[in-house]
Amino acid sequence: MIQPLIDLVEQQLLPQLNIESVYPHDPIVVHHVPKPWKLLGAGNYAAVVSHPDFSDMAVKVYAPGRPGLEDETEVYRLLGKHPAYSECYHTGECYLILRRLSGITLYNCILRGIPIPRRVIDDIDSALDYARRKGLNPHDVHGKNVMLKDGRGIVVDVSDFLKEESCSMWDDLKTAYDRFYFPVLHHMPVPEFLLTAVRKGYRWFNDHGRTGSDS
């Protein structure tokens, strides 16, 4: 069943797809996606696309020079089947074929003023605990990497779950949810420039402020 999609990826998509990683902390730049492929999203390492004939699958293509393909394959092997995570069906030289997850990221929920129920936060907490029981270390879990789907929470990106260092992104997001979002902002759209400023400020604080406070 999956071989026709593998053939399309290797014969049609990869020869024409043009993606570039310019800055390691920013999403990759997507210069061209061949028709009829559709761009679903772009992260710091890879682009995710789909083909209309295989709407229940997604293809994640790593940008040239970006590491992580083998690690992500191993993460999916350890996770197995879980409703809050995708599954990896195939690993190629620079791409993964995954079960497609649909929904809206929590980041976009905030942008559009779509309420995020507490159950979504609890679902993601439960999914991250499951990953830890599988020997993984949830890392880089933030508003663009988790989604709301039919009132439930799902985790979109697990590529960094083999990293050993601690990561407070999800705990910080939950703190912001409890202190600011739920009491004040849960029905209010938030401008993107403000969310971008918060993201860049958080990264600066994480890279400099916390390091300085530990020294």
N, C-alpha and C. Protein backbone atom coordinates (compact mmCIF):
# COMPACT_ATOMS: atom_id res chain seq x y z
N MET A 1 0.82 -1.21 0.00
CA MET A 1 0.00 0.00 0.00
C MET A 1 0.85 1.27 0.00
N ILE A 2 2.00 1.24 0.68
CA ILE A 2 2.78 2.45 0.82
C ILE A 2 3.78 2.64 -0.31
N GLN A 3 4.06 1.58 -1.07
CA GLN A 3 5.08 1.67 -2.12
C GLN A 3 4.75 2.72 -3.18
N PRO A 4 3.49 2.85 -3.63
CA PRO A 4 3.21 3.92 -4.60
C PRO A 4 3.56 5.32 -4.08
N LEU A 5 3.36 5.56 -2.80
CA LEU A 5 3.72 6.86 -2.24
C LEU A 5 5.24 7.02 -2.19
N ILE A 6 5.94 5.97 -1.83
CA ILE A 6 7.41 6.02 -1.83
C ILE A 6 7.92 6.37 -3.23
N ASP A 7 7.33 5.75 -4.25
CA ASP A 7 7.74 6.04 -5.63
C ASP A 7 7.49 7.50 -5.99
N LEU A 8 6.34 8.03 -5.57
CA LEU A 8 6.04 9.44 -5.86
C LEU A 8 7.03 10.37 -5.15
N VAL A 9 7.35 10.05 -3.91
CA VAL A 9 8.29 10.87 -3.16
C VAL A 9 9.65 10.90 -3.86
N GLU A 10 10.15 9.74 -4.22
CA GLU A 10 11.52 9.66 -4.73
C GLU A 10 11.63 10.06 -6.20
N GLN A 11 10.55 9.89 -6.97
CA GLN A 11 10.62 10.21 -8.40
C GLN A 11 10.07 11.59 -8.74
N GLN A 12 9.13 12.09 -7.90
CA GLN A 12 8.48 13.37 -8.22
C GLN A 12 8.80 14.46 -7.22
N LEU A 13 8.62 14.15 -5.93
CA LEU A 13 8.77 15.18 -4.91
C LEU A 13 10.22 15.61 -4.70
N LEU A 14 11.09 14.69 -4.35
CA LEU A 14 12.45 15.05 -3.98
C LEU A 14 13.23 15.75 -5.09
N PRO A 15 13.11 15.32 -6.35
CA PRO A 15 13.87 16.02 -7.39
C PRO A 15 13.45 17.47 -7.60
N GLN A 16 12.22 17.84 -7.20
CA GLN A 16 11.72 19.19 -7.47
C GLN A 16 11.56 20.05 -6.21
N LEU A 17 11.53 19.41 -5.05
CA LEU A 17 11.35 20.17 -3.80
C LEU A 17 12.59 21.00 -3.52
N ASN A 18 12.39 22.26 -3.17
CA ASN A 18 13.51 23.15 -2.87
C ASN A 18 13.29 23.78 -1.50
N ILE A 19 13.99 23.27 -0.49
CA ILE A 19 13.90 23.80 0.87
C ILE A 19 15.30 24.09 1.37
N GLU A 20 15.40 25.05 2.30
CA GLU A 20 16.70 25.49 2.78
C GLU A 20 16.62 25.85 4.26
N SER A 21 17.60 25.42 5.03
CA SER A 21 17.71 25.82 6.42
C SER A 21 18.70 26.97 6.50
N VAL A 22 18.18 28.17 6.77
CA VAL A 22 19.02 29.37 6.80
C VAL A 22 19.54 29.62 8.21
N TYR A 23 18.64 29.62 9.19
CA TYR A 23 19.02 29.82 10.58
C TYR A 23 18.50 28.64 11.39
N PRO A 24 19.36 28.01 12.22
CA PRO A 24 18.95 26.78 12.92
C PRO A 24 17.80 26.96 13.89
N HIS A 25 17.56 28.19 14.37
CA HIS A 25 16.49 28.41 15.35
C HIS A 25 15.21 28.95 14.71
N ASP A 26 15.19 29.06 13.40
CA ASP A 26 14.00 29.54 12.70
C ASP A 26 13.52 28.48 11.73
N PRO A 27 12.23 28.51 11.39
CA PRO A 27 11.73 27.53 10.41
C PRO A 27 12.51 27.59 9.10
N ILE A 28 12.64 26.43 8.45
CA ILE A 28 13.33 26.39 7.17
C ILE A 28 12.59 27.23 6.14
N VAL A 29 13.30 27.61 5.09
CA VAL A 29 12.71 28.38 4.00
C VAL A 29 12.29 27.41 2.90
N VAL A 30 11.03 27.49 2.51
CA VAL A 30 10.50 26.63 1.44
C VAL A 30 10.42 27.45 0.17
N HIS A 31 11.29 27.15 -0.79
CA HIS A 31 11.32 27.91 -2.04
C HIS A 31 10.36 27.36 -3.08
N HIS A 32 10.18 26.05 -3.10
CA HIS A 32 9.29 25.47 -4.12
C HIS A 32 8.80 24.10 -3.69
N VAL A 33 7.48 23.90 -3.85
CA VAL A 33 6.85 22.59 -3.64
C VAL A 33 6.15 22.23 -4.94
N PRO A 34 6.51 21.11 -5.56
CA PRO A 34 5.90 20.77 -6.86
C PRO A 34 4.43 20.38 -6.72
N LYS A 35 3.64 20.72 -7.72
CA LYS A 35 2.24 20.30 -7.75
C LYS A 35 2.17 18.82 -8.08
N PRO A 36 1.20 18.10 -7.50
CA PRO A 36 0.07 18.55 -6.67
C PRO A 36 0.35 18.47 -5.17
N TRP A 37 1.62 18.40 -4.78
CA TRP A 37 1.95 18.32 -3.36
C TRP A 37 1.54 19.60 -2.65
N LYS A 38 1.18 19.48 -1.39
CA LYS A 38 0.75 20.63 -0.59
C LYS A 38 1.62 20.73 0.65
N LEU A 39 2.08 21.94 0.91
CA LEU A 39 2.88 22.18 2.12
C LEU A 39 1.97 22.23 3.34
N LEU A 40 2.24 21.38 4.32
CA LEU A 40 1.46 21.37 5.56
C LEU A 40 2.10 22.21 6.65
N GLY A 41 3.43 22.30 6.63
CA GLY A 41 4.11 23.07 7.65
C GLY A 41 5.61 22.98 7.48
N ALA A 42 6.32 23.86 8.18
CA ALA A 42 7.78 23.87 8.13
C ALA A 42 8.32 24.13 9.52
N GLY A 43 9.23 23.26 9.97
CA GLY A 43 9.87 23.43 11.26
C GLY A 43 11.31 23.87 11.09
N ASN A 44 12.08 23.77 12.15
CA ASN A 44 13.47 24.21 12.09
C ASN A 44 14.36 23.27 11.29
N TYR A 45 13.91 22.02 11.10
CA TYR A 45 14.74 21.03 10.41
C TYR A 45 14.13 20.54 9.10
N ALA A 46 12.83 20.57 8.98
CA ALA A 46 12.18 19.86 7.88
C ALA A 46 10.89 20.53 7.45
N ALA A 47 10.46 20.16 6.25
CA ALA A 47 9.14 20.55 5.73
C ALA A 47 8.24 19.33 5.72
N VAL A 48 6.95 19.54 5.93
CA VAL A 48 5.98 18.45 5.92
C VAL A 48 5.00 18.73 4.79
N VAL A 49 4.84 17.75 3.91
CA VAL A 49 3.97 17.91 2.74
C VAL A 49 3.05 16.71 2.63
N SER A 50 2.02 16.86 1.80
CA SER A 50 1.09 15.75 1.56
C SER A 50 0.76 15.69 0.08
N HIS A 51 0.28 14.52 -0.35
CA HIS A 51 -0.15 14.32 -1.74
C HIS A 51 -1.65 14.03 -1.71
N PRO A 52 -2.43 14.60 -2.63
CA PRO A 52 -3.89 14.43 -2.58
C PRO A 52 -4.35 12.99 -2.70
N ASP A 53 -3.55 12.12 -3.31
CA ASP A 53 -3.94 10.72 -3.43
C ASP A 53 -3.66 9.90 -2.17
N PHE A 54 -2.95 10.51 -1.22
CA PHE A 54 -2.61 9.84 0.03
C PHE A 54 -2.86 10.81 1.19
N SER A 55 -4.12 11.21 1.33
CA SER A 55 -4.47 12.29 2.26
C SER A 55 -4.31 11.90 3.72
N ASP A 56 -4.22 10.59 4.01
CA ASP A 56 -4.06 10.17 5.40
C ASP A 56 -2.59 10.01 5.80
N MET A 57 -1.68 10.41 4.91
CA MET A 57 -0.26 10.32 5.21
C MET A 57 0.41 11.66 4.98
N ALA A 58 1.54 11.86 5.64
CA ALA A 58 2.34 13.07 5.47
C ALA A 58 3.79 12.66 5.24
N VAL A 59 4.49 13.46 4.47
CA VAL A 59 5.90 13.21 4.20
C VAL A 59 6.72 14.34 4.81
N LYS A 60 7.62 13.97 5.70
CA LYS A 60 8.48 14.95 6.36
C LYS A 60 9.86 14.87 5.73
N VAL A 61 10.29 15.95 5.08
CA VAL A 61 11.55 15.98 4.36
C VAL A 61 12.52 16.90 5.09
N TYR A 62 13.66 16.34 5.49
CA TYR A 62 14.68 17.13 6.17
C TYR A 62 15.44 18.00 5.18
N ALA A 63 15.71 19.23 5.57
CA ALA A 63 16.49 20.14 4.73
C ALA A 63 17.93 19.66 4.63
N PRO A 64 18.62 19.96 3.53
CA PRO A 64 20.02 19.57 3.39
C PRO A 64 20.86 20.09 4.56
N GLY A 65 21.66 19.20 5.13
CA GLY A 65 22.54 19.59 6.23
C GLY A 65 21.90 19.54 7.59
N ARG A 66 20.61 19.26 7.66
CA ARG A 66 19.94 19.20 8.95
C ARG A 66 19.95 17.77 9.48
N PRO A 67 20.41 17.57 10.72
CA PRO A 67 20.44 16.23 11.31
C PRO A 67 19.09 15.86 11.93
N GLY A 68 18.98 14.59 12.35
CA GLY A 68 17.83 14.20 13.15
C GLY A 68 16.95 13.10 12.59
N LEU A 69 17.15 12.73 11.33
CA LEU A 69 16.28 11.74 10.71
C LEU A 69 16.31 10.40 11.45
N GLU A 70 17.52 9.91 11.75
CA GLU A 70 17.65 8.62 12.42
C GLU A 70 17.07 8.68 13.82
N ASP A 71 17.31 9.79 14.51
CA ASP A 71 16.77 9.93 15.87
C ASP A 71 15.25 9.93 15.86
N GLU A 72 14.66 10.64 14.92
CA GLU A 72 13.20 10.70 14.88
C GLU A 72 12.59 9.33 14.56
N THR A 73 13.26 8.59 13.67
CA THR A 73 12.80 7.24 13.37
C THR A 73 12.80 6.38 14.63
N GLU A 74 13.85 6.50 15.44
CA GLU A 74 13.95 5.72 16.68
C GLU A 74 12.89 6.14 17.68
N VAL A 75 12.59 7.44 17.75
CA VAL A 75 11.55 7.91 18.66
C VAL A 75 10.21 7.27 18.31
N TYR A 76 9.87 7.26 17.04
CA TYR A 76 8.59 6.65 16.64
C TYR A 76 8.57 5.15 16.91
N ARG A 77 9.73 4.51 16.77
CA ARG A 77 9.78 3.07 17.08
C ARG A 77 9.48 2.84 18.55
N LEU A 78 10.03 3.67 19.42
CA LEU A 78 9.81 3.52 20.86
C LEU A 78 8.39 3.90 21.26
N LEU A 79 7.82 4.89 20.61
CA LEU A 79 6.46 5.32 20.95
C LEU A 79 5.42 4.27 20.56
N GLY A 80 5.63 3.58 19.45
CA GLY A 80 4.63 2.63 18.99
C GLY A 80 3.33 3.34 18.64
N LYS A 81 2.21 2.73 18.98
CA LYS A 81 0.91 3.32 18.67
C LYS A 81 0.34 4.01 19.90
N HIS A 82 -0.01 5.27 19.73
CA HIS A 82 -0.63 6.06 20.80
C HIS A 82 -1.49 7.12 20.13
N PRO A 83 -2.71 7.37 20.63
CA PRO A 83 -3.62 8.29 19.95
C PRO A 83 -3.12 9.73 19.85
N ALA A 84 -2.20 10.13 20.72
CA ALA A 84 -1.72 11.51 20.71
C ALA A 84 -0.50 11.71 19.82
N TYR A 85 -0.01 10.63 19.21
CA TYR A 85 1.19 10.73 18.37
C TYR A 85 0.92 10.15 16.98
N SER A 86 1.74 10.58 16.04
CA SER A 86 1.72 9.99 14.72
C SER A 86 2.45 8.64 14.76
N GLU A 87 2.54 7.98 13.60
CA GLU A 87 3.32 6.75 13.45
C GLU A 87 4.20 6.89 12.21
N CYS A 88 5.35 6.26 12.25
CA CYS A 88 6.26 6.28 11.10
C CYS A 88 6.08 4.99 10.31
N TYR A 89 5.71 5.13 9.03
CA TYR A 89 5.50 3.98 8.16
C TYR A 89 6.74 3.61 7.34
N HIS A 90 7.60 4.62 7.10
CA HIS A 90 8.77 4.37 6.24
C HIS A 90 9.79 5.48 6.45
N THR A 91 11.07 5.10 6.41
CA THR A 91 12.16 6.07 6.47
C THR A 91 13.00 5.96 5.21
N GLY A 92 13.15 7.07 4.52
CA GLY A 92 14.01 7.14 3.34
C GLY A 92 15.32 7.82 3.67
N GLU A 93 16.06 8.17 2.64
CA GLU A 93 17.37 8.77 2.85
C GLU A 93 17.29 10.11 3.55
N CYS A 94 16.27 10.91 3.25
CA CYS A 94 16.15 12.23 3.86
C CYS A 94 14.70 12.54 4.26
N TYR A 95 13.87 11.51 4.37
CA TYR A 95 12.46 11.77 4.64
C TYR A 95 11.83 10.64 5.46
N LEU A 96 10.69 10.98 6.07
CA LEU A 96 9.86 10.02 6.77
C LEU A 96 8.46 10.07 6.17
N ILE A 97 7.81 8.92 6.12
CA ILE A 97 6.38 8.88 5.78
C ILE A 97 5.63 8.58 7.07
N LEU A 98 4.73 9.49 7.43
CA LEU A 98 4.05 9.44 8.72
C LEU A 98 2.53 9.39 8.55
N ARG A 99 1.87 8.86 9.57
CA ARG A 99 0.41 9.01 9.64
C ARG A 99 0.11 10.48 9.85
N ARG A 100 -0.75 11.02 9.01
CA ARG A 100 -1.03 12.45 9.05
C ARG A 100 -1.92 12.80 10.24
N LEU A 101 -1.51 13.82 10.96
CA LEU A 101 -2.31 14.36 12.06
C LEU A 101 -2.98 15.64 11.58
N SER A 102 -4.24 15.78 11.87
CA SER A 102 -4.96 17.00 11.50
C SER A 102 -5.44 17.70 12.76
N GLY A 103 -5.61 18.98 12.64
CA GLY A 103 -6.05 19.78 13.78
C GLY A 103 -5.53 21.20 13.63
N ILE A 104 -5.54 21.94 14.70
CA ILE A 104 -5.04 23.31 14.70
C ILE A 104 -4.05 23.46 15.86
N THR A 105 -2.90 24.03 15.57
CA THR A 105 -1.90 24.18 16.62
C THR A 105 -2.41 25.12 17.70
N LEU A 106 -1.91 24.93 18.91
CA LEU A 106 -2.31 25.83 19.99
C LEU A 106 -1.86 27.25 19.70
N TYR A 107 -0.76 27.40 19.00
CA TYR A 107 -0.29 28.72 18.58
C TYR A 107 -1.36 29.41 17.72
N ASN A 108 -1.91 28.68 16.74
CA ASN A 108 -2.93 29.27 15.87
C ASN A 108 -4.25 29.47 16.61
N CYS A 109 -4.53 28.61 17.59
CA CYS A 109 -5.72 28.84 18.43
C CYS A 109 -5.63 30.20 19.10
N ILE A 110 -4.46 30.52 19.63
CA ILE A 110 -4.28 31.80 20.32
C ILE A 110 -4.39 32.95 19.33
N LEU A 111 -3.79 32.78 18.15
CA LEU A 111 -3.87 33.81 17.11
C LEU A 111 -5.32 34.13 16.75
N ARG A 112 -6.14 33.07 16.64
CA ARG A 112 -7.51 33.24 16.13
C ARG A 112 -8.56 33.38 17.22
N GLY A 113 -8.14 33.28 18.47
CA GLY A 113 -9.10 33.39 19.56
C GLY A 113 -9.96 32.14 19.72
N ILE A 114 -9.45 30.98 19.31
CA ILE A 114 -10.17 29.71 19.47
C ILE A 114 -9.88 29.17 20.87
N PRO A 115 -10.90 28.93 21.69
CA PRO A 115 -10.65 28.47 23.07
C PRO A 115 -9.91 27.14 23.11
N ILE A 116 -8.97 27.04 24.03
CA ILE A 116 -8.22 25.80 24.26
C ILE A 116 -8.72 25.20 25.57
N PRO A 117 -9.48 24.11 25.52
CA PRO A 117 -10.01 23.52 26.75
C PRO A 117 -8.90 22.95 27.63
N ARG A 118 -9.14 22.91 28.91
CA ARG A 118 -8.19 22.32 29.85
C ARG A 118 -7.89 20.86 29.49
N ARG A 119 -8.87 20.16 28.94
CA ARG A 119 -8.67 18.75 28.58
C ARG A 119 -7.53 18.58 27.59
N VAL A 120 -7.33 19.55 26.71
CA VAL A 120 -6.24 19.49 25.74
C VAL A 120 -4.89 19.49 26.46
N ILE A 121 -4.76 20.37 27.45
CA ILE A 121 -3.52 20.44 28.23
C ILE A 121 -3.29 19.12 28.96
N ASP A 122 -4.34 18.57 29.53
CA ASP A 122 -4.23 17.30 30.26
C ASP A 122 -3.86 16.16 29.32
N ASP A 123 -4.43 16.14 28.10
CA ASP A 123 -4.10 15.10 27.13
C ASP A 123 -2.62 15.14 26.78
N ILE A 124 -2.11 16.33 26.56
CA ILE A 124 -0.70 16.45 26.19
C ILE A 124 0.20 16.06 27.35
N ASP A 125 -0.18 16.46 28.55
CA ASP A 125 0.56 16.02 29.74
C ASP A 125 0.63 14.50 29.81
N SER A 126 -0.50 13.86 29.59
CA SER A 126 -0.57 12.40 29.64
C SER A 126 0.30 11.77 28.55
N ALA A 127 0.28 12.35 27.35
CA ALA A 127 1.08 11.84 26.24
C ALA A 127 2.58 11.98 26.54
N LEU A 128 2.97 13.07 27.15
CA LEU A 128 4.38 13.27 27.48
C LEU A 128 4.82 12.30 28.58
N ASP A 129 3.93 12.03 29.53
CA ASP A 129 4.25 11.03 30.56
C ASP A 129 4.42 9.65 29.93
N TYR A 130 3.59 9.33 28.95
CA TYR A 130 3.71 8.06 28.23
C TYR A 130 5.08 7.96 27.56
N ALA A 131 5.50 9.04 26.91
CA ALA A 131 6.81 9.05 26.25
C ALA A 131 7.94 8.82 27.25
N ARG A 132 7.82 9.42 28.42
CA ARG A 132 8.86 9.23 29.45
C ARG A 132 8.91 7.76 29.88
N ARG A 133 7.75 7.13 30.01
CA ARG A 133 7.73 5.72 30.39
C ARG A 133 8.37 4.84 29.32
N LYS A 134 8.43 5.33 28.10
CA LYS A 134 9.07 4.61 27.01
C LYS A 134 10.57 4.92 26.92
N GLY A 135 11.08 5.66 27.89
CA GLY A 135 12.50 5.98 27.92
C GLY A 135 12.88 7.23 27.16
N LEU A 136 11.90 8.03 26.77
CA LEU A 136 12.16 9.25 26.01
C LEU A 136 12.15 10.48 26.91
N ASN A 137 12.66 11.58 26.38
CA ASN A 137 12.73 12.83 27.12
C ASN A 137 12.05 13.92 26.29
N PRO A 138 10.74 14.17 26.50
CA PRO A 138 10.05 15.19 25.70
C PRO A 138 10.79 16.52 25.71
N HIS A 139 11.04 17.04 24.53
CA HIS A 139 11.87 18.22 24.37
C HIS A 139 11.29 19.08 23.25
N ASP A 140 11.37 20.39 23.39
CA ASP A 140 10.91 21.32 22.37
C ASP A 140 9.40 21.18 22.14
N VAL A 141 8.65 21.02 23.22
CA VAL A 141 7.19 20.93 23.14
C VAL A 141 6.62 22.32 23.40
N HIS A 142 6.14 22.96 22.35
CA HIS A 142 5.64 24.33 22.46
C HIS A 142 4.37 24.48 21.64
N GLY A 143 3.86 25.69 21.55
CA GLY A 143 2.54 25.92 20.95
C GLY A 143 2.41 25.56 19.49
N LYS A 144 3.53 25.53 18.76
CA LYS A 144 3.47 25.17 17.35
C LYS A 144 3.64 23.67 17.13
N ASN A 145 3.98 22.93 18.18
CA ASN A 145 4.23 21.50 18.06
C ASN A 145 3.15 20.64 18.70
N VAL A 146 2.10 21.26 19.19
CA VAL A 146 0.97 20.52 19.75
C VAL A 146 -0.32 21.08 19.15
N MET A 147 -1.34 20.22 19.03
CA MET A 147 -2.55 20.63 18.33
C MET A 147 -3.81 20.27 19.10
N LEU A 148 -4.86 20.99 18.75
CA LEU A 148 -6.22 20.72 19.20
C LEU A 148 -6.95 20.00 18.08
N LYS A 149 -7.53 18.83 18.38
CA LYS A 149 -8.29 18.07 17.40
C LYS A 149 -9.54 17.50 18.08
N ASP A 150 -10.70 17.98 17.68
CA ASP A 150 -11.97 17.50 18.23
C ASP A 150 -11.98 17.57 19.76
N GLY A 151 -11.46 18.65 20.28
CA GLY A 151 -11.46 18.86 21.72
C GLY A 151 -10.37 18.12 22.48
N ARG A 152 -9.48 17.41 21.78
CA ARG A 152 -8.41 16.65 22.42
C ARG A 152 -7.05 17.20 22.02
N GLY A 153 -6.03 16.88 22.79
CA GLY A 153 -4.69 17.36 22.52
C GLY A 153 -3.82 16.29 21.88
N ILE A 154 -3.02 16.67 20.88
CA ILE A 154 -2.09 15.75 20.23
C ILE A 154 -0.73 16.43 20.08
N VAL A 155 0.30 15.60 20.00
CA VAL A 155 1.68 16.09 19.90
C VAL A 155 2.16 15.86 18.48
N VAL A 156 2.59 16.93 17.82
CA VAL A 156 2.91 16.87 16.40
C VAL A 156 4.37 16.51 16.14
N ASP A 157 5.28 17.09 16.90
CA ASP A 157 6.70 16.96 16.60
C ASP A 157 7.42 16.27 17.75
N VAL A 158 8.04 15.12 17.45
CA VAL A 158 8.78 14.36 18.48
C VAL A 158 10.25 14.24 18.12
N SER A 159 10.73 15.05 17.18
CA SER A 159 12.06 14.87 16.63
C SER A 159 13.17 15.05 17.65
N ASP A 160 12.90 15.78 18.74
CA ASP A 160 13.95 16.04 19.73
C ASP A 160 13.78 15.22 21.00
N PHE A 161 12.98 14.18 20.97
CA PHE A 161 12.68 13.42 22.20
C PHE A 161 13.82 12.53 22.67
N LEU A 162 14.90 12.43 21.91
CA LEU A 162 16.08 11.69 22.37
C LEU A 162 17.12 12.59 23.03
N LYS A 163 16.90 13.89 22.99
CA LYS A 163 17.84 14.80 23.65
C LYS A 163 17.84 14.55 25.16
N GLU A 164 19.00 14.68 25.77
CA GLU A 164 19.13 14.37 27.18
C GLU A 164 18.92 15.57 28.09
N GLU A 165 19.18 16.77 27.58
CA GLU A 165 19.05 17.94 28.45
C GLU A 165 17.59 18.23 28.76
N SER A 166 17.37 18.87 29.88
CA SER A 166 16.00 19.20 30.28
C SER A 166 15.47 20.34 29.42
N CYS A 167 14.16 20.41 29.30
CA CYS A 167 13.51 21.46 28.51
C CYS A 167 12.25 21.89 29.26
N SER A 168 12.11 23.17 29.50
CA SER A 168 10.99 23.68 30.29
C SER A 168 9.88 24.29 29.44
N MET A 169 9.97 24.16 28.12
CA MET A 169 9.01 24.84 27.25
C MET A 169 7.57 24.49 27.59
N TRP A 170 7.27 23.19 27.74
CA TRP A 170 5.89 22.80 27.99
C TRP A 170 5.44 23.28 29.37
N ASP A 171 6.28 23.17 30.38
CA ASP A 171 5.91 23.66 31.70
C ASP A 171 5.68 25.16 31.68
N ASP A 172 6.51 25.89 30.92
CA ASP A 172 6.32 27.34 30.81
C ASP A 172 5.02 27.67 30.10
N LEU A 173 4.69 26.89 29.07
CA LEU A 173 3.43 27.13 28.37
C LEU A 173 2.24 26.87 29.29
N LYS A 174 2.31 25.81 30.08
CA LYS A 174 1.21 25.54 31.03
C LYS A 174 1.07 26.65 32.06
N THR A 175 2.22 27.19 32.51
CA THR A 175 2.16 28.31 33.46
C THR A 175 1.48 29.51 32.83
N ALA A 176 1.83 29.81 31.56
CA ALA A 176 1.19 30.92 30.86
C ALA A 176 -0.30 30.66 30.66
N TYR A 177 -0.66 29.41 30.40
CA TYR A 177 -2.07 29.04 30.24
C TYR A 177 -2.85 29.34 31.53
N ASP A 178 -2.30 28.93 32.67
CA ASP A 178 -2.99 29.09 33.95
C ASP A 178 -3.04 30.56 34.40
N ARG A 179 -1.97 31.30 34.16
CA ARG A 179 -1.88 32.66 34.70
C ARG A 179 -2.50 33.71 33.79
N PHE A 180 -2.36 33.52 32.49
CA PHE A 180 -2.78 34.58 31.56
C PHE A 180 -3.86 34.14 30.58
N TYR A 181 -3.64 32.97 29.96
CA TYR A 181 -4.55 32.59 28.88
C TYR A 181 -5.95 32.27 29.41
N PHE A 182 -6.06 31.33 30.33
CA PHE A 182 -7.38 30.89 30.78
C PHE A 182 -8.16 32.00 31.48
N PRO A 183 -7.52 32.77 32.38
CA PRO A 183 -8.31 33.82 33.04
C PRO A 183 -8.67 35.00 32.13
N VAL A 184 -7.82 35.32 31.13
CA VAL A 184 -7.99 36.58 30.40
C VAL A 184 -8.19 36.39 28.90
N LEU A 185 -7.36 35.54 28.26
CA LEU A 185 -7.22 35.57 26.81
C LEU A 185 -7.94 34.45 26.05
N HIS A 186 -8.66 33.56 26.75
CA HIS A 186 -9.10 32.35 26.08
C HIS A 186 -10.15 32.57 24.99
N HIS A 187 -10.75 33.75 24.91
CA HIS A 187 -11.67 34.05 23.81
C HIS A 187 -11.16 35.23 22.97
N MET A 188 -9.92 35.67 23.20
CA MET A 188 -9.42 36.86 22.52
C MET A 188 -8.30 36.49 21.55
N PRO A 189 -8.39 36.90 20.27
CA PRO A 189 -7.27 36.70 19.37
C PRO A 189 -6.08 37.56 19.82
N VAL A 190 -4.87 37.02 19.67
CA VAL A 190 -3.66 37.73 20.06
C VAL A 190 -2.87 38.00 18.79
N PRO A 191 -2.44 39.24 18.54
CA PRO A 191 -1.72 39.56 17.30
C PRO A 191 -0.44 38.74 17.15
N GLU A 192 -0.12 38.39 15.90
CA GLU A 192 1.05 37.54 15.66
C GLU A 192 2.34 38.24 16.05
N PHE A 193 2.41 39.56 15.86
CA PHE A 193 3.65 40.25 16.21
C PHE A 193 3.94 40.12 17.70
N LEU A 194 2.87 40.08 18.51
CA LEU A 194 3.06 39.95 19.95
C LEU A 194 3.54 38.54 20.30
N LEU A 195 2.95 37.52 19.64
CA LEU A 195 3.40 36.14 19.89
C LEU A 195 4.84 35.95 19.42
N THR A 196 5.20 36.58 18.29
CA THR A 196 6.59 36.49 17.80
C THR A 196 7.54 37.14 18.78
N ALA A 197 7.16 38.28 19.34
CA ALA A 197 8.00 38.94 20.33
C ALA A 197 8.17 38.09 21.58
N VAL A 198 7.08 37.45 22.00
CA VAL A 198 7.16 36.57 23.17
C VAL A 198 8.08 35.39 22.88
N ARG A 199 7.95 34.79 21.68
CA ARG A 199 8.79 33.64 21.31
C ARG A 199 10.27 34.03 21.32
N LYS A 200 10.60 35.18 20.70
CA LYS A 200 12.00 35.59 20.64
C LYS A 200 12.52 35.98 22.02
N GLY A 201 11.67 36.62 22.81
CA GLY A 201 12.07 36.97 24.17
C GLY A 201 12.30 35.73 25.02
N TYR A 202 11.43 34.73 24.84
CA TYR A 202 11.60 33.48 25.58
C TYR A 202 12.90 32.80 25.20
N ARG A 203 13.21 32.77 23.89
CA ARG A 203 14.45 32.12 23.45
C ARG A 203 15.67 32.84 24.01
N TRP A 204 15.63 34.19 24.00
CA TRP A 204 16.75 34.94 24.55
C TRP A 204 16.92 34.65 26.03
N PHE A 205 15.80 34.66 26.75
CA PHE A 205 15.87 34.39 28.19
C PHE A 205 16.39 32.98 28.45
N ASN A 206 15.93 32.03 27.64
CA ASN A 206 16.36 30.65 27.83
C ASN A 206 17.86 30.49 27.54
N ASP A 207 18.36 31.23 26.52
CA ASP A 207 19.77 31.12 26.15
C ASP A 207 20.69 31.93 27.05
N HIS A 208 20.17 33.04 27.62
CA HIS A 208 21.04 33.95 28.36
C HIS A 208 20.62 34.13 29.82
N GLY A 209 19.32 34.40 30.01
CA GLY A 209 18.88 34.70 31.37
C GLY A 209 19.07 33.56 32.34
N ARG A 210 18.61 32.35 31.93
CA ARG A 210 18.72 31.20 32.83
C ARG A 210 20.16 30.80 33.02
N THR A 211 20.96 30.89 31.93
CA THR A 211 22.38 30.57 32.06
C THR A 211 23.05 31.50 33.03
N GLY A 212 22.72 32.79 32.89
CA GLY A 212 23.32 33.76 33.79
C GLY A 212 22.92 33.56 35.23
N SER A 213 21.67 33.15 35.47
CA SER A 213 21.21 32.98 36.84
C SER A 213 21.84 31.77 37.49
N ASP A 214 22.33 30.79 36.66
CA ASP A 214 22.95 29.60 37.21
C ASP A 214 24.43 29.77 37.47
N SER A 215 25.03 30.83 36.92
CA SER A 215 26.47 30.99 37.05
C SER A 215 26.86 31.65 38.34
